[in-house]
Structure formats: C-alpha cells, structure tokens
Protein backbone atom coordinates (compact mmCIF):
# COMPACT_ATOMS: atom_id res chain seq x y z
CA MET A 1 -26.53 38.71 -25.78
CA TRP A 2 -28.76 38.00 -22.82
CA TRP A 3 -29.01 40.66 -20.14
CA ARG A 4 -27.94 38.29 -17.35
CA VAL A 5 -24.76 37.35 -19.25
CA GLN A 6 -23.53 40.95 -19.39
CA THR A 7 -20.98 42.06 -16.87
CA THR A 8 -21.53 45.02 -14.60
CA GLY A 9 -19.10 47.11 -16.63
CA GLN A 10 -21.02 46.44 -19.83
CA ARG A 11 -24.29 47.39 -18.16
CA ILE A 12 -22.82 50.65 -16.83
CA ALA A 13 -21.32 51.49 -20.24
CA LEU A 14 -24.62 50.76 -22.00
CA LEU A 15 -26.58 52.91 -19.58
CA GLY A 16 -23.99 55.67 -19.94
CA LEU A 17 -24.29 55.60 -23.74
CA ILE A 18 -28.08 55.69 -23.49
CA ALA A 19 -27.86 58.67 -21.11
CA VAL A 20 -25.55 60.55 -23.49
CA ALA A 21 -27.88 59.82 -26.41
CA LEU A 22 -30.86 61.05 -24.38
CA ILE A 23 -29.02 64.26 -23.50
CA PHE A 24 -28.40 64.90 -27.19
CA PHE A 25 -31.87 63.92 -28.44
CA VAL A 26 -34.29 65.24 -25.79
CA PRO A 27 -34.12 68.86 -27.07
CA ARG A 28 -34.81 67.64 -30.59
CA ILE A 29 -37.75 65.50 -29.46
CA SER A 30 -39.28 68.36 -27.46
CA SER A 31 -38.88 70.76 -30.41
CA LEU A 32 -40.56 68.15 -32.60
CA PHE A 33 -43.64 68.14 -30.40
CA ALA A 34 -43.66 71.94 -30.21
CA SER A 35 -43.48 72.41 -33.99
CA ASP A 36 -46.34 72.09 -36.43
CA VAL A 37 -45.22 68.77 -37.87
CA SER A 38 -48.08 66.57 -38.85
CA LEU A 39 -48.96 63.89 -36.33
CA ALA A 40 -48.20 61.16 -38.85
CA LEU A 41 -44.47 61.98 -38.76
CA VAL A 42 -44.16 62.02 -34.97
CA PRO A 43 -44.10 58.19 -34.54
CA ILE A 44 -41.58 57.85 -37.35
CA TYR A 45 -39.26 60.38 -35.73
CA LEU A 46 -39.67 58.76 -32.32
CA LEU A 47 -38.81 55.33 -33.76
CA ALA A 48 -35.73 56.79 -35.41
CA TYR A 49 -34.61 58.35 -32.12
CA LEU A 50 -35.28 55.12 -30.22
CA PHE A 51 -33.18 53.26 -32.77
CA ALA A 52 -30.35 55.73 -32.26
CA ILE A 53 -30.62 55.52 -28.48
CA ILE A 54 -30.95 51.74 -28.07
CA ALA A 55 -29.73 49.89 -31.16
CA LEU A 56 -26.58 51.85 -31.93
CA PRO A 57 -24.92 51.25 -28.52
CA LEU A 58 -25.82 47.56 -28.78
CA MET A 59 -24.22 47.44 -32.22
CA LEU A 60 -21.14 49.11 -30.76
CA PHE A 61 -20.82 46.34 -28.16
CA ALA A 62 -21.28 43.63 -30.80
CA LEU A 63 -18.70 45.23 -33.06
CA SER A 64 -16.19 45.65 -30.22
CA LYS A 65 -16.63 41.99 -29.24
CA PHE A 66 -16.00 40.97 -32.85
CA VAL A 67 -12.91 43.18 -33.14
CA TYR A 68 -11.53 41.75 -29.90
CA SER A 69 -12.11 38.15 -30.97
CA VAL A 70 -10.59 38.64 -34.43
CA PHE A 71 -7.66 40.97 -33.74
CA ALA A 72 -6.80 41.27 -30.05
CA ARG A 73 -7.36 37.73 -28.77
CA PRO A 74 -4.92 36.00 -31.18
CA TYR A 75 -2.26 38.64 -30.54
CA LEU A 76 -2.59 38.31 -26.77
CA ARG A 77 -2.49 34.51 -27.04
CA LEU A 78 0.69 34.71 -29.13
CA PHE A 79 2.23 37.14 -26.63
CA ARG A 80 1.54 34.74 -23.75
CA MET A 81 2.90 31.77 -25.70
CA ARG A 82 6.11 33.65 -26.56
CA ARG A 83 6.55 34.71 -22.94
CA TYR A 84 6.12 31.11 -21.75
CA ARG A 85 8.50 29.79 -24.42
CA ASN A 86 11.16 32.42 -23.60
CA ASN A 87 10.97 31.53 -19.91
CA LYS A 88 11.34 27.85 -20.75
CA TYR A 89 14.40 28.51 -22.92
CA LEU A 90 15.92 30.70 -20.21
CA ARG A 91 15.50 27.92 -17.62
CA GLU A 92 17.13 25.43 -20.00
CA ALA A 93 20.07 27.78 -20.58
CA VAL A 94 20.55 28.24 -16.85
CA ARG A 95 20.43 24.46 -16.37
CA ARG A 96 23.06 23.93 -19.12
CA GLY A 97 25.30 26.61 -17.60
CA ARG A 98 25.56 24.83 -14.26
C-alpha cells in the first residue's frame, strides 16, 4: 500500500504501533550494545528488531484488510440488502392495506 493512499487513522495507528514496539525494544537494544556480544551479531540483532518494529505492524494492517474483505464486507452487504428488502416489503404491505 502506498503511503499517500493510507488514511490518517491508519497512519496514526501505524506510528502508535511503532512507538509501542520501540518502548519494548529500546532497553534490549541498549543492553545489547553494553554487553560483550561480538560485533558480528549486532547488525543481525538490529535487523531482527527493525523487522519486528516495521514489518509486523504492516503485516497486521494487511491481515486486517484481508479479514475485512473476506468476512465483514459480505456480511455488511447482506445486512444492508436485507434492510432495504424489508423496507420495500413493509411499504408494499402498507400500500395493500389502504
């Protein structure tokens, strides 16, 4: 999804999830630099943390969009169609009663 296509709510939610992930992972990252871990493992750990901070919230948005399109959208469409059909039948019954 392109950044300009996202709504303001999606942007705020994404930034909120990134902030929460940073709050959880900053102590671990700082302890990683303070420990005696070899310097070869530091980039691997940082890439893993970046994946958790950036990619996982994006996957959450993609999964929620899929769930909405598969499960919620057909149900809501059916609900609207039933409501329209019931109103139409009610108008016909009122017309026949007159």
